[in-house]
Full PDB file with SEQRES, HELIX, SHEET, SSBOND, CRYST1, ORIGX, SCALE, CONECT and MASTER records, all heavy atoms in Angstrom:
SEQRES   1 A   40  ASN TYR ALA ASP SER VAL LYS GLY ARG PHE THR ILE SER          
SEQRES   2 A   40  ARG ASP LYS VAL GLY ASN THR ALA PHE LEU GLN MET ASN          
SEQRES   3 A   40  ASN LEU LYS PRO GLU ASP THR ALA VAL TYR PHE CYS LYS          
SEQRES   4 A   40  PHE                                                          
HELIX    1 AA1 PRO A   30  ASP A   32  5                                   3    
SHEET    1 AA1 2 PHE A  10  ARG A  14  0                                        
SHEET    2 AA1 2 ALA A  21  MET A  25 -1                                        
CRYST1    1.000    1.000    1.000  90.00  90.00  90.00 P 1           1          
ORIGX1      1.000000  0.000000  0.000000        0.00000                         
ORIGX2      0.000000  1.000000  0.000000        0.00000                         
ORIGX3      0.000000  0.000000  1.000000        0.00000                         
SCALE1      1.000000  0.000000  0.000000        0.00000                         
SCALE2      0.000000  1.000000  0.000000        0.00000                         
SCALE3      0.000000  0.000000  1.000000        0.00000                         
ATOM      1  N   ASN A   1       7.847 -56.558  27.297  1.00  0.00           N  
ATOM      2  CA  ASN A   1       6.441 -56.452  27.832  1.00  0.00           C  
ATOM      3  C   ASN A   1       5.642 -55.627  26.801  1.00  0.00           C  
ATOM      4  O   ASN A   1       6.081 -54.760  26.103  1.00  0.00           O  
ATOM      5  CB  ASN A   1       6.422 -55.687  29.103  1.00  0.00           C  
ATOM      6  CG  ASN A   1       7.079 -56.475  30.291  1.00  0.00           C  
ATOM      7  OD1 ASN A   1       6.459 -57.512  30.752  1.00  0.00           O  
ATOM      8  ND2 ASN A   1       8.321 -56.137  30.610  1.00  0.00           N  
ATOM      9  N   TYR A   2       4.405 -56.026  26.728  1.00  0.00           N  
ATOM     10  CA  TYR A   2       3.598 -55.561  25.667  1.00  0.00           C  
ATOM     11  C   TYR A   2       2.039 -55.204  26.319  1.00  0.00           C  
ATOM     12  O   TYR A   2       1.624 -55.860  27.167  1.00  0.00           O  
ATOM     13  CB  TYR A   2       3.398 -56.445  24.504  1.00  0.00           C  
ATOM     14  CG  TYR A   2       4.668 -56.848  23.846  1.00  0.00           C  
ATOM     15  CD1 TYR A   2       5.283 -58.018  24.199  1.00  0.00           C  
ATOM     16  CD2 TYR A   2       5.081 -56.121  22.752  1.00  0.00           C  
ATOM     17  CE1 TYR A   2       6.453 -58.317  23.489  1.00  0.00           C  
ATOM     18  CE2 TYR A   2       6.319 -56.359  22.124  1.00  0.00           C  
ATOM     19  CZ  TYR A   2       6.947 -57.576  22.583  1.00  0.00           C  
ATOM     20  OH  TYR A   2       8.038 -57.954  21.863  1.00  0.00           O  
ATOM     21  N   ALA A   3       1.549 -54.111  25.713  1.00  0.00           N  
ATOM     22  CA  ALA A   3       0.287 -53.813  26.030  1.00  0.00           C  
ATOM     23  C   ALA A   3      -0.682 -54.969  25.482  1.00  0.00           C  
ATOM     24  O   ALA A   3      -0.401 -55.548  24.404  1.00  0.00           O  
ATOM     25  CB  ALA A   3      -0.253 -52.477  25.423  1.00  0.00           C  
ATOM     26  N   ASP A   4      -1.731 -55.333  26.161  1.00  0.00           N  
ATOM     27  CA  ASP A   4      -2.684 -56.386  25.701  1.00  0.00           C  
ATOM     28  C   ASP A   4      -3.168 -56.234  24.308  1.00  0.00           C  
ATOM     29  O   ASP A   4      -3.290 -57.076  23.432  1.00  0.00           O  
ATOM     30  CB  ASP A   4      -3.860 -56.554  26.610  1.00  0.00           C  
ATOM     31  CG  ASP A   4      -3.496 -57.177  28.003  1.00  0.00           C  
ATOM     32  OD1 ASP A   4      -2.332 -57.697  28.010  1.00  0.00           O  
ATOM     33  OD2 ASP A   4      -4.272 -56.996  28.904  1.00  0.00           O  
ATOM     34  N   SER A   5      -3.250 -54.933  23.779  1.00  0.00           N  
ATOM     35  CA  SER A   5      -3.870 -54.672  22.531  1.00  0.00           C  
ATOM     36  C   SER A   5      -2.901 -55.000  21.416  1.00  0.00           C  
ATOM     37  O   SER A   5      -3.326 -55.099  20.213  1.00  0.00           O  
ATOM     38  CB  SER A   5      -4.367 -53.203  22.517  1.00  0.00           C  
ATOM     39  OG  SER A   5      -3.051 -52.393  22.676  1.00  0.00           O  
ATOM     40  N   VAL A   6      -1.577 -55.058  21.643  1.00  0.00           N  
ATOM     41  CA  VAL A   6      -0.685 -55.363  20.579  1.00  0.00           C  
ATOM     42  C   VAL A   6      -0.009 -56.690  20.783  1.00  0.00           C  
ATOM     43  O   VAL A   6       0.794 -57.170  19.909  1.00  0.00           O  
ATOM     44  CB  VAL A   6       0.377 -54.276  20.520  1.00  0.00           C  
ATOM     45  CG1 VAL A   6      -0.349 -52.980  20.290  1.00  0.00           C  
ATOM     46  CG2 VAL A   6       1.366 -54.277  21.716  1.00  0.00           C  
ATOM     47  N   LYS A   7      -0.225 -57.391  21.949  1.00  0.00           N  
ATOM     48  CA  LYS A   7       0.475 -58.732  22.245  1.00  0.00           C  
ATOM     49  C   LYS A   7       0.207 -59.715  21.027  1.00  0.00           C  
ATOM     50  O   LYS A   7      -0.954 -59.858  20.721  1.00  0.00           O  
ATOM     51  CB  LYS A   7       0.044 -59.150  23.565  1.00  0.00           C  
ATOM     52  CG  LYS A   7       0.922 -60.141  24.204  1.00  0.00           C  
ATOM     53  CD  LYS A   7       0.524 -60.474  25.655  1.00  0.00           C  
ATOM     54  CE  LYS A   7       0.536 -59.238  26.479  1.00  0.00           C  
ATOM     55  NZ  LYS A   7       0.227 -59.477  27.950  1.00  0.00           N  
ATOM     56  N   GLY A   8       1.264 -60.323  20.730  1.00  0.00           N  
ATOM     57  CA  GLY A   8       1.121 -61.289  19.556  1.00  0.00           C  
ATOM     58  C   GLY A   8       1.217 -60.686  18.178  1.00  0.00           C  
ATOM     59  O   GLY A   8       1.376 -61.487  17.234  1.00  0.00           O  
ATOM     60  N   ARG A   9       1.171 -59.277  18.082  1.00  0.00           N  
ATOM     61  CA  ARG A   9       1.291 -58.762  16.758  1.00  0.00           C  
ATOM     62  C   ARG A   9       2.579 -57.903  16.629  1.00  0.00           C  
ATOM     63  O   ARG A   9       3.080 -57.710  15.500  1.00  0.00           O  
ATOM     64  CB  ARG A   9      -0.009 -57.919  16.452  1.00  0.00           C  
ATOM     65  CG  ARG A   9      -1.376 -58.595  16.577  1.00  0.00           C  
ATOM     66  CD  ARG A   9      -2.424 -57.781  16.081  1.00  0.00           C  
ATOM     67  NE  ARG A   9      -2.745 -56.613  16.985  1.00  0.00           N  
ATOM     68  CZ  ARG A   9      -2.744 -55.375  16.608  1.00  0.00           C  
ATOM     69  NH1 ARG A   9      -2.391 -55.009  15.377  1.00  0.00           N  
ATOM     70  NH2 ARG A   9      -2.942 -54.474  17.564  1.00  0.00           N  
ATOM     71  N   PHE A  10       2.875 -57.326  17.651  1.00  0.00           N  
ATOM     72  CA  PHE A  10       4.033 -56.292  17.737  1.00  0.00           C  
ATOM     73  C   PHE A  10       5.267 -56.983  18.419  1.00  0.00           C  
ATOM     74  O   PHE A  10       5.049 -57.729  19.445  1.00  0.00           O  
ATOM     75  CB  PHE A  10       3.710 -55.059  18.420  1.00  0.00           C  
ATOM     76  CG  PHE A  10       2.793 -54.107  17.786  1.00  0.00           C  
ATOM     77  CD1 PHE A  10       2.063 -54.550  16.700  1.00  0.00           C  
ATOM     78  CD2 PHE A  10       2.490 -52.827  18.193  1.00  0.00           C  
ATOM     79  CE1 PHE A  10       1.149 -53.689  16.019  1.00  0.00           C  
ATOM     80  CE2 PHE A  10       1.723 -52.000  17.585  1.00  0.00           C  
ATOM     81  CZ  PHE A  10       0.983 -52.354  16.469  1.00  0.00           C  
ATOM     82  N   THR A  11       6.413 -56.659  18.006  1.00  0.00           N  
ATOM     83  CA  THR A  11       7.617 -57.216  18.668  1.00  0.00           C  
ATOM     84  C   THR A  11       8.633 -56.120  18.752  1.00  0.00           C  
ATOM     85  O   THR A  11       8.908 -55.366  17.844  1.00  0.00           O  
ATOM     86  CB  THR A  11       8.260 -58.344  17.769  1.00  0.00           C  
ATOM     87  OG1 THR A  11       7.390 -59.335  17.569  1.00  0.00           O  
ATOM     88  CG2 THR A  11       9.577 -58.821  18.458  1.00  0.00           C  
ATOM     89  N   ILE A  12       9.133 -55.765  19.926  1.00  0.00           N  
ATOM     90  CA  ILE A  12      10.111 -54.809  20.331  1.00  0.00           C  
ATOM     91  C   ILE A  12      11.440 -55.439  20.414  1.00  0.00           C  
ATOM     92  O   ILE A  12      11.580 -56.619  20.857  1.00  0.00           O  
ATOM     93  CB  ILE A  12       9.765 -54.021  21.603  1.00  0.00           C  
ATOM     94  CG1 ILE A  12      10.620 -52.888  21.772  1.00  0.00           C  
ATOM     95  CG2 ILE A  12       9.779 -54.973  22.820  1.00  0.00           C  
ATOM     96  CD1 ILE A  12      10.207 -51.885  22.855  1.00  0.00           C  
ATOM     97  N   SER A  13      12.486 -54.773  19.835  1.00  0.00           N  
ATOM     98  CA  SER A  13      13.816 -55.339  19.894  1.00  0.00           C  
ATOM     99  C   SER A  13      14.793 -54.079  19.941  1.00  0.00           C  
ATOM    100  O   SER A  13      14.395 -53.021  19.754  1.00  0.00           O  
ATOM    101  CB  SER A  13      14.115 -56.188  18.768  1.00  0.00           C  
ATOM    102  OG  SER A  13      14.075 -55.553  17.427  1.00  0.00           O  
ATOM    103  N   ARG A  14      16.074 -54.413  20.037  1.00  0.00           N  
ATOM    104  CA  ARG A  14      17.027 -53.465  20.086  1.00  0.00           C  
ATOM    105  C   ARG A  14      18.344 -54.034  19.308  1.00  0.00           C  
ATOM    106  O   ARG A  14      18.467 -55.300  19.213  1.00  0.00           O  
ATOM    107  CB  ARG A  14      17.368 -52.902  21.405  1.00  0.00           C  
ATOM    108  CG  ARG A  14      18.214 -53.916  22.315  1.00  0.00           C  
ATOM    109  CD  ARG A  14      18.484 -53.477  23.649  1.00  0.00           C  
ATOM    110  NE  ARG A  14      19.341 -54.423  24.399  1.00  0.00           N  
ATOM    111  CZ  ARG A  14      18.956 -55.507  25.024  1.00  0.00           C  
ATOM    112  NH1 ARG A  14      17.613 -55.881  24.977  1.00  0.00           N  
ATOM    113  NH2 ARG A  14      19.826 -56.254  25.801  1.00  0.00           N  
ATOM    114  N   ASP A  15      19.293 -53.098  18.854  1.00  0.00           N  
ATOM    115  CA  ASP A  15      20.457 -53.661  18.224  1.00  0.00           C  
ATOM    116  C   ASP A  15      21.467 -53.957  19.292  1.00  0.00           C  
ATOM    117  O   ASP A  15      21.167 -53.707  20.554  1.00  0.00           O  
ATOM    118  CB  ASP A  15      21.034 -52.549  17.308  1.00  0.00           C  
ATOM    119  CG  ASP A  15      21.483 -51.348  18.028  1.00  0.00           C  
ATOM    120  OD1 ASP A  15      21.179 -51.168  19.185  1.00  0.00           O  
ATOM    121  OD2 ASP A  15      22.133 -50.525  17.349  1.00  0.00           O  
ATOM    122  N   LYS A  16      22.539 -54.547  18.967  1.00  0.00           N  
ATOM    123  CA  LYS A  16      23.500 -55.080  19.996  1.00  0.00           C  
ATOM    124  C   LYS A  16      24.142 -53.931  20.742  1.00  0.00           C  
ATOM    125  O   LYS A  16      24.449 -54.084  21.984  1.00  0.00           O  
ATOM    126  CB  LYS A  16      24.611 -55.964  19.253  1.00  0.00           C  
ATOM    127  CG  LYS A  16      24.053 -57.274  18.759  1.00  0.00           C  
ATOM    128  CD  LYS A  16      25.091 -58.084  18.159  1.00  0.00           C  
ATOM    129  CE  LYS A  16      24.589 -59.491  17.703  1.00  0.00           C  
ATOM    130  NZ  LYS A  16      25.647 -60.303  17.118  1.00  0.00           N  
ATOM    131  N   VAL A  17      24.389 -52.844  20.008  1.00  0.00           N  
ATOM    132  CA  VAL A  17      25.039 -51.710  20.707  1.00  0.00           C  
ATOM    133  C   VAL A  17      24.174 -51.146  21.736  1.00  0.00           C  
ATOM    134  O   VAL A  17      24.572 -50.570  22.751  1.00  0.00           O  
ATOM    135  CB  VAL A  17      25.581 -50.648  19.599  1.00  0.00           C  
ATOM    136  CG1 VAL A  17      26.147 -49.472  20.359  1.00  0.00           C  
ATOM    137  CG2 VAL A  17      26.571 -51.214  18.666  1.00  0.00           C  
ATOM    138  N   GLY A  18      22.818 -51.057  21.483  1.00  0.00           N  
ATOM    139  CA  GLY A  18      21.865 -50.509  22.259  1.00  0.00           C  
ATOM    140  C   GLY A  18      21.488 -49.102  21.939  1.00  0.00           C  
ATOM    141  O   GLY A  18      20.715 -48.462  22.714  1.00  0.00           O  
ATOM    142  N   ASN A  19      21.889 -48.557  20.764  1.00  0.00           N  
ATOM    143  CA  ASN A  19      21.587 -47.247  20.423  1.00  0.00           C  
ATOM    144  C   ASN A  19      20.182 -47.161  19.614  1.00  0.00           C  
ATOM    145  O   ASN A  19      19.694 -46.017  19.458  1.00  0.00           O  
ATOM    146  CB  ASN A  19      22.709 -46.653  19.577  1.00  0.00           C  
ATOM    147  CG  ASN A  19      23.779 -46.097  20.421  1.00  0.00           C  
ATOM    148  OD1 ASN A  19      23.986 -46.413  21.530  1.00  0.00           O  
ATOM    149  ND2 ASN A  19      24.743 -45.449  19.821  1.00  0.00           N  
ATOM    150  N   THR A  20      19.741 -48.305  19.176  1.00  0.00           N  
ATOM    151  CA  THR A  20      18.609 -48.314  18.385  1.00  0.00           C  
ATOM    152  C   THR A  20      17.518 -49.259  18.803  1.00  0.00           C  
ATOM    153  O   THR A  20      17.984 -50.407  19.244  1.00  0.00           O  
ATOM    154  CB  THR A  20      18.968 -48.551  16.907  1.00  0.00           C  
ATOM    155  OG1 THR A  20      19.973 -47.671  16.396  1.00  0.00           O  
ATOM    156  CG2 THR A  20      17.697 -48.482  16.013  1.00  0.00           C  
ATOM    157  N   ALA A  21      16.344 -48.888  18.844  1.00  0.00           N  
ATOM    158  CA  ALA A  21      15.281 -49.797  19.193  1.00  0.00           C  
ATOM    159  C   ALA A  21      14.226 -49.863  18.023  1.00  0.00           C  
ATOM    160  O   ALA A  21      14.223 -48.966  17.205  1.00  0.00           O  
ATOM    161  CB  ALA A  21      14.420 -49.224  20.351  1.00  0.00           C  
ATOM    162  N   PHE A  22      13.685 -51.046  17.881  1.00  0.00           N  
ATOM    163  CA  PHE A  22      12.722 -51.314  16.826  1.00  0.00           C  
ATOM    164  C   PHE A  22      11.434 -51.814  17.232  1.00  0.00           C  
ATOM    165  O   PHE A  22      11.242 -52.303  18.387  1.00  0.00           O  
ATOM    166  CB  PHE A  22      13.342 -52.452  15.975  1.00  0.00           C  
ATOM    167  CG  PHE A  22      14.709 -52.224  15.461  1.00  0.00           C  
ATOM    168  CD1 PHE A  22      15.850 -52.666  16.114  1.00  0.00           C  
ATOM    169  CD2 PHE A  22      14.997 -51.377  14.407  1.00  0.00           C  
ATOM    170  CE1 PHE A  22      17.117 -52.566  15.660  1.00  0.00           C  
ATOM    171  CE2 PHE A  22      16.304 -51.106  13.894  1.00  0.00           C  
ATOM    172  CZ  PHE A  22      17.406 -51.656  14.556  1.00  0.00           C  
ATOM    173  N   LEU A  23      10.385 -51.488  16.502  1.00  0.00           N  
ATOM    174  CA  LEU A  23       9.072 -52.051  16.854  1.00  0.00           C  
ATOM    175  C   LEU A  23       8.558 -52.622  15.451  1.00  0.00           C  
ATOM    176  O   LEU A  23       8.166 -51.897  14.605  1.00  0.00           O  
ATOM    177  CB  LEU A  23       8.153 -50.998  17.380  1.00  0.00           C  
ATOM    178  CG  LEU A  23       6.755 -51.419  17.779  1.00  0.00           C  
ATOM    179  CD1 LEU A  23       6.949 -52.380  18.998  1.00  0.00           C  
ATOM    180  CD2 LEU A  23       5.759 -50.247  18.067  1.00  0.00           C  
ATOM    181  N   GLN A  24       8.524 -54.004  15.397  1.00  0.00           N  
ATOM    182  CA  GLN A  24       7.884 -54.608  14.166  1.00  0.00           C  
ATOM    183  C   GLN A  24       6.526 -54.847  14.489  1.00  0.00           C  
ATOM    184  O   GLN A  24       6.135 -55.432  15.549  1.00  0.00           O  
ATOM    185  CB  GLN A  24       8.565 -55.979  14.101  1.00  0.00           C  
ATOM    186  CG  GLN A  24       8.073 -56.855  13.031  1.00  0.00           C  
ATOM    187  CD  GLN A  24       8.284 -56.244  11.629  1.00  0.00           C  
ATOM    188  OE1 GLN A  24       9.369 -55.787  11.312  1.00  0.00           O  
ATOM    189  NE2 GLN A  24       7.232 -56.269  10.816  1.00  0.00           N  
ATOM    190  N   MET A  25       5.715 -54.296  13.510  1.00  0.00           N  
ATOM    191  CA  MET A  25       4.264 -54.311  13.764  1.00  0.00           C  
ATOM    192  C   MET A  25       3.608 -55.189  12.670  1.00  0.00           C  
ATOM    193  O   MET A  25       3.813 -54.760  11.474  1.00  0.00           O  
ATOM    194  CB  MET A  25       3.715 -52.855  13.775  1.00  0.00           C  
ATOM    195  CG  MET A  25       4.292 -51.970  14.836  1.00  0.00           C  
ATOM    196  SD  MET A  25       3.554 -50.353  14.812  1.00  0.00           S  
ATOM    197  CE  MET A  25       4.060 -49.634  13.242  1.00  0.00           C  
ATOM    198  N   ASN A  26       2.939 -56.201  12.978  1.00  0.00           N  
ATOM    199  CA  ASN A  26       2.280 -57.065  12.022  1.00  0.00           C  
ATOM    200  C   ASN A  26       0.857 -57.122  12.184  1.00  0.00           C  
ATOM    201  O   ASN A  26       0.337 -56.767  13.332  1.00  0.00           O  
ATOM    202  CB  ASN A  26       2.970 -58.542  12.124  1.00  0.00           C  
ATOM    203  CG  ASN A  26       4.356 -58.510  11.853  1.00  0.00           C  
ATOM    204  OD1 ASN A  26       4.966 -57.884  11.022  1.00  0.00           O  
ATOM    205  ND2 ASN A  26       5.012 -59.484  12.584  1.00  0.00           N  
ATOM    206  N   ASN A  27       0.166 -57.606  11.253  1.00  0.00           N  
ATOM    207  CA  ASN A  27      -1.334 -57.614  11.288  1.00  0.00           C  
ATOM    208  C   ASN A  27      -1.952 -56.363  11.815  1.00  0.00           C  
ATOM    209  O   ASN A  27      -2.779 -56.380  12.753  1.00  0.00           O  
ATOM    210  CB  ASN A  27      -1.785 -58.881  12.122  1.00  0.00           C  
ATOM    211  CG  ASN A  27      -3.277 -59.062  11.987  1.00  0.00           C  
ATOM    212  OD1 ASN A  27      -3.939 -58.832  11.120  1.00  0.00           O  
ATOM    213  ND2 ASN A  27      -3.781 -59.804  13.078  1.00  0.00           N  
ATOM    214  N   LEU A  28      -1.563 -55.213  11.181  1.00  0.00           N  
ATOM    215  CA  LEU A  28      -2.020 -53.927  11.737  1.00  0.00           C  
ATOM    216  C   LEU A  28      -3.481 -53.781  11.512  1.00  0.00           C  
ATOM    217  O   LEU A  28      -4.077 -54.312  10.471  1.00  0.00           O  
ATOM    218  CB  LEU A  28      -1.279 -52.858  11.043  1.00  0.00           C  
ATOM    219  CG  LEU A  28       0.195 -52.567  11.615  1.00  0.00           C  
ATOM    220  CD1 LEU A  28       1.090 -51.904  10.516  1.00  0.00           C  
ATOM    221  CD2 LEU A  28       0.143 -51.873  12.839  1.00  0.00           C  
ATOM    222  N   LYS A  29      -4.048 -53.076  12.406  1.00  0.00           N  
ATOM    223  CA  LYS A  29      -5.477 -52.782  12.507  1.00  0.00           C  
ATOM    224  C   LYS A  29      -5.749 -51.222  12.352  1.00  0.00           C  
ATOM    225  O   LYS A  29      -4.885 -50.507  12.698  1.00  0.00           O  
ATOM    226  CB  LYS A  29      -6.224 -53.341  13.671  1.00  0.00           C  
ATOM    227  CG  LYS A  29      -5.863 -54.777  13.843  1.00  0.00           C  
ATOM    228  CD  LYS A  29      -6.462 -55.272  15.278  1.00  0.00           C  
ATOM    229  CE  LYS A  29      -6.161 -56.755  15.416  1.00  0.00           C  
ATOM    230  NZ  LYS A  29      -6.809 -57.200  16.773  1.00  0.00           N  
ATOM    231  N   PRO A  30      -6.967 -50.887  11.921  1.00  0.00           N  
ATOM    232  CA  PRO A  30      -7.221 -49.475  11.920  1.00  0.00           C  
ATOM    233  C   PRO A  30      -7.039 -48.781  13.323  1.00  0.00           C  
ATOM    234  O   PRO A  30      -6.636 -47.560  13.265  1.00  0.00           O  
ATOM    235  CB  PRO A  30      -8.623 -49.300  11.474  1.00  0.00           C  
ATOM    236  CG  PRO A  30      -8.876 -50.629  10.577  1.00  0.00           C  
ATOM    237  CD  PRO A  30      -7.952 -51.596  11.254  1.00  0.00           C  
ATOM    238  N   GLU A  31      -7.404 -49.484  14.323  1.00  0.00           N  
ATOM    239  CA  GLU A  31      -7.243 -48.835  15.631  1.00  0.00           C  
ATOM    240  C   GLU A  31      -5.825 -48.755  16.122  1.00  0.00           C  
ATOM    241  O   GLU A  31      -5.493 -48.165  17.200  1.00  0.00           O  
ATOM    242  CB  GLU A  31      -7.987 -49.741  16.711  1.00  0.00           C  
ATOM    243  CG  GLU A  31      -7.602 -51.176  16.664  1.00  0.00           C  
ATOM    244  CD  GLU A  31      -8.709 -51.988  15.907  1.00  0.00           C  
ATOM    245  OE1 GLU A  31      -9.012 -51.563  14.817  1.00  0.00           O  
ATOM    246  OE2 GLU A  31      -8.999 -53.062  16.344  1.00  0.00           O  
ATOM    247  N   ASP A  32      -4.832 -49.240  15.295  1.00  0.00           N  
ATOM    248  CA  ASP A  32      -3.428 -48.892  15.584  1.00  0.00           C  
ATOM    249  C   ASP A  32      -2.907 -47.583  15.023  1.00  0.00           C  
ATOM    250  O   ASP A  32      -1.795 -47.186  15.257  1.00  0.00           O  
ATOM    251  CB  ASP A  32      -2.562 -49.989  14.974  1.00  0.00           C  
ATOM    252  CG  ASP A  32      -2.731 -51.411  15.608  1.00  0.00           C  
ATOM    253  OD1 ASP A  32      -2.867 -51.537  16.850  1.00  0.00           O  
ATOM    254  OD2 ASP A  32      -2.838 -52.406  14.819  1.00  0.00           O  
ATOM    255  N   THR A  33      -3.843 -46.963  14.315  1.00  0.00           N  
ATOM    256  CA  THR A  33      -3.532 -45.617  13.803  1.00  0.00           C  
ATOM    257  C   THR A  33      -3.166 -44.616  14.850  1.00  0.00           C  
ATOM    258  O   THR A  33      -4.030 -44.504  15.750  1.00  0.00           O  
ATOM    259  CB  THR A  33      -4.637 -45.066  12.920  1.00  0.00           C  
ATOM    260  OG1 THR A  33      -4.797 -45.914  11.770  1.00  0.00           O  
ATOM    261  CG2 THR A  33      -4.361 -43.682  12.498  1.00  0.00           C  
ATOM    262  N   ALA A  34      -1.992 -44.091  14.860  1.00  0.00           N  
ATOM    263  CA  ALA A  34      -1.616 -43.204  15.901  1.00  0.00           C  
ATOM    264  C   ALA A  34      -0.177 -42.573  15.457  1.00  0.00           C  
ATOM    265  O   ALA A  34       0.531 -43.072  14.586  1.00  0.00           O  
ATOM    266  CB  ALA A  34      -1.415 -43.815  17.241  1.00  0.00           C  
ATOM    267  N   VAL A  35       0.193 -41.644  16.341  1.00  0.00           N  
ATOM    268  CA  VAL A  35       1.657 -41.158  16.275  1.00  0.00           C  
ATOM    269  C   VAL A  35       2.421 -42.039  17.354  1.00  0.00           C  
ATOM    270  O   VAL A  35       2.076 -42.148  18.457  1.00  0.00           O  
ATOM    271  CB  VAL A  35       1.853 -39.730  16.560  1.00  0.00           C  
ATOM    272  CG1 VAL A  35       3.309 -39.315  16.652  1.00  0.00           C  
ATOM    273  CG2 VAL A  35       1.083 -38.802  15.499  1.00  0.00           C  
ATOM    274  N   TYR A  36       3.432 -42.704  16.827  1.00  0.00           N  
ATOM    275  CA  TYR A  36       4.164 -43.547  17.715  1.00  0.00           C  
ATOM    276  C   TYR A  36       5.593 -42.852  18.211  1.00  0.00           C  
ATOM    277  O   TYR A  36       6.219 -42.160  17.352  1.00  0.00           O  
ATOM    278  CB  TYR A  36       4.594 -44.810  16.987  1.00  0.00           C  
ATOM    279  CG  TYR A  36       3.413 -45.741  16.860  1.00  0.00           C  
ATOM    280  CD1 TYR A  36       2.346 -45.472  16.029  1.00  0.00           C  
ATOM    281  CD2 TYR A  36       3.392 -46.965  17.592  1.00  0.00           C  
ATOM    282  CE1 TYR A  36       1.385 -46.299  15.908  1.00  0.00           C  
ATOM    283  CE2 TYR A  36       2.272 -47.780  17.497  1.00  0.00           C  
ATOM    284  CZ  TYR A  36       1.238 -47.514  16.704  1.00  0.00           C  
ATOM    285  OH  TYR A  36       0.107 -48.284  16.600  1.00  0.00           O  
ATOM    286  N   PHE A  37       5.784 -42.902  19.414  1.00  0.00           N  
ATOM    287  CA  PHE A  37       6.902 -42.161  20.134  1.00  0.00           C  
ATOM    288  C   PHE A  37       7.730 -43.172  20.795  1.00  0.00           C  
ATOM    289  O   PHE A  37       7.318 -44.265  21.313  1.00  0.00           O  
ATOM    290  CB  PHE A  37       6.438 -41.232  21.157  1.00  0.00           C  
ATOM    291  CG  PHE A  37       5.509 -40.177  20.656  1.00  0.00           C  
ATOM    292  CD1 PHE A  37       4.146 -40.314  20.676  1.00  0.00           C  
ATOM    293  CD2 PHE A  37       6.125 -38.955  20.323  1.00  0.00           C  
ATOM    294  CE1 PHE A  37       3.339 -39.236  20.187  1.00  0.00           C  
ATOM    295  CE2 PHE A  37       5.299 -37.906  19.899  1.00  0.00           C  
ATOM    296  CZ  PHE A  37       3.910 -38.066  19.802  1.00  0.00           C  
ATOM    297  N   CYS A  38       9.048 -42.970  20.726  1.00  0.00           N  
ATOM    298  CA  CYS A  38       9.936 -43.808  21.489  1.00  0.00           C  
ATOM    299  C   CYS A  38      10.499 -43.083  22.694  1.00  0.00           C  
ATOM    300  O   CYS A  38      10.573 -41.879  22.705  1.00  0.00           O  
ATOM    301  CB  CYS A  38      11.147 -44.256  20.536  1.00  0.00           C  
ATOM    302  SG  CYS A  38      12.034 -42.978  19.849  1.00  0.00           S  
ATOM    303  N   LYS A  39      10.825 -43.911  23.713  1.00  0.00           N  
ATOM    304  CA  LYS A  39      11.484 -43.316  24.899  1.00  0.00           C  
ATOM    305  C   LYS A  39      12.514 -44.124  25.487  1.00  0.00           C  
ATOM    306  O   LYS A  39      12.425 -45.417  25.489  1.00  0.00           O  
ATOM    307  CB  LYS A  39      10.362 -43.197  25.965  1.00  0.00           C  
ATOM    308  CG  LYS A  39      10.869 -42.450  27.250  1.00  0.00           C  
ATOM    309  CD  LYS A  39       9.796 -42.477  28.340  1.00  0.00           C  
ATOM    310  CE  LYS A  39       9.684 -43.722  29.041  1.00  0.00           C  
ATOM    311  NZ  LYS A  39       8.857 -43.745  30.206  1.00  0.00           N  
ATOM    312  N   PHE A  40      13.655 -43.631  25.597  1.00  0.00           N  
ATOM    313  CA  PHE A  40      14.847 -44.239  26.273  1.00  0.00           C  
ATOM    314  C   PHE A  40      14.954 -43.718  27.665  1.00  0.00           C  
ATOM    315  O   PHE A  40      14.949 -42.483  27.850  1.00  0.00           O  
ATOM    316  CB  PHE A  40      16.109 -44.135  25.537  1.00  0.00           C  
ATOM    317  CG  PHE A  40      16.139 -44.819  24.210  1.00  0.00           C  
ATOM    318  CD1 PHE A  40      15.035 -45.526  23.674  1.00  0.00           C  
ATOM    319  CD2 PHE A  40      17.367 -44.845  23.402  1.00  0.00           C  
ATOM    320  CE1 PHE A  40      15.131 -46.162  22.432  1.00  0.00           C  
ATOM    321  CE2 PHE A  40      17.451 -45.551  22.175  1.00  0.00           C  
ATOM    322  CZ  PHE A  40      16.291 -46.135  21.633  1.00  0.00           C  
TER     323      PHE A  40                                                      
MASTER        0    0    0    1    2    0    0    6  322    1    0    4          
END                                                                             
């Protein structure tokens, strides 16, 4: 699931083991500037 502001540009995934999550961010915009936090 994605926030509307990033839908179509960001992709979240995880590894097979489940210990690592990823956020692929494409077509970045100045308004994407932020500190990014992960939560499990």
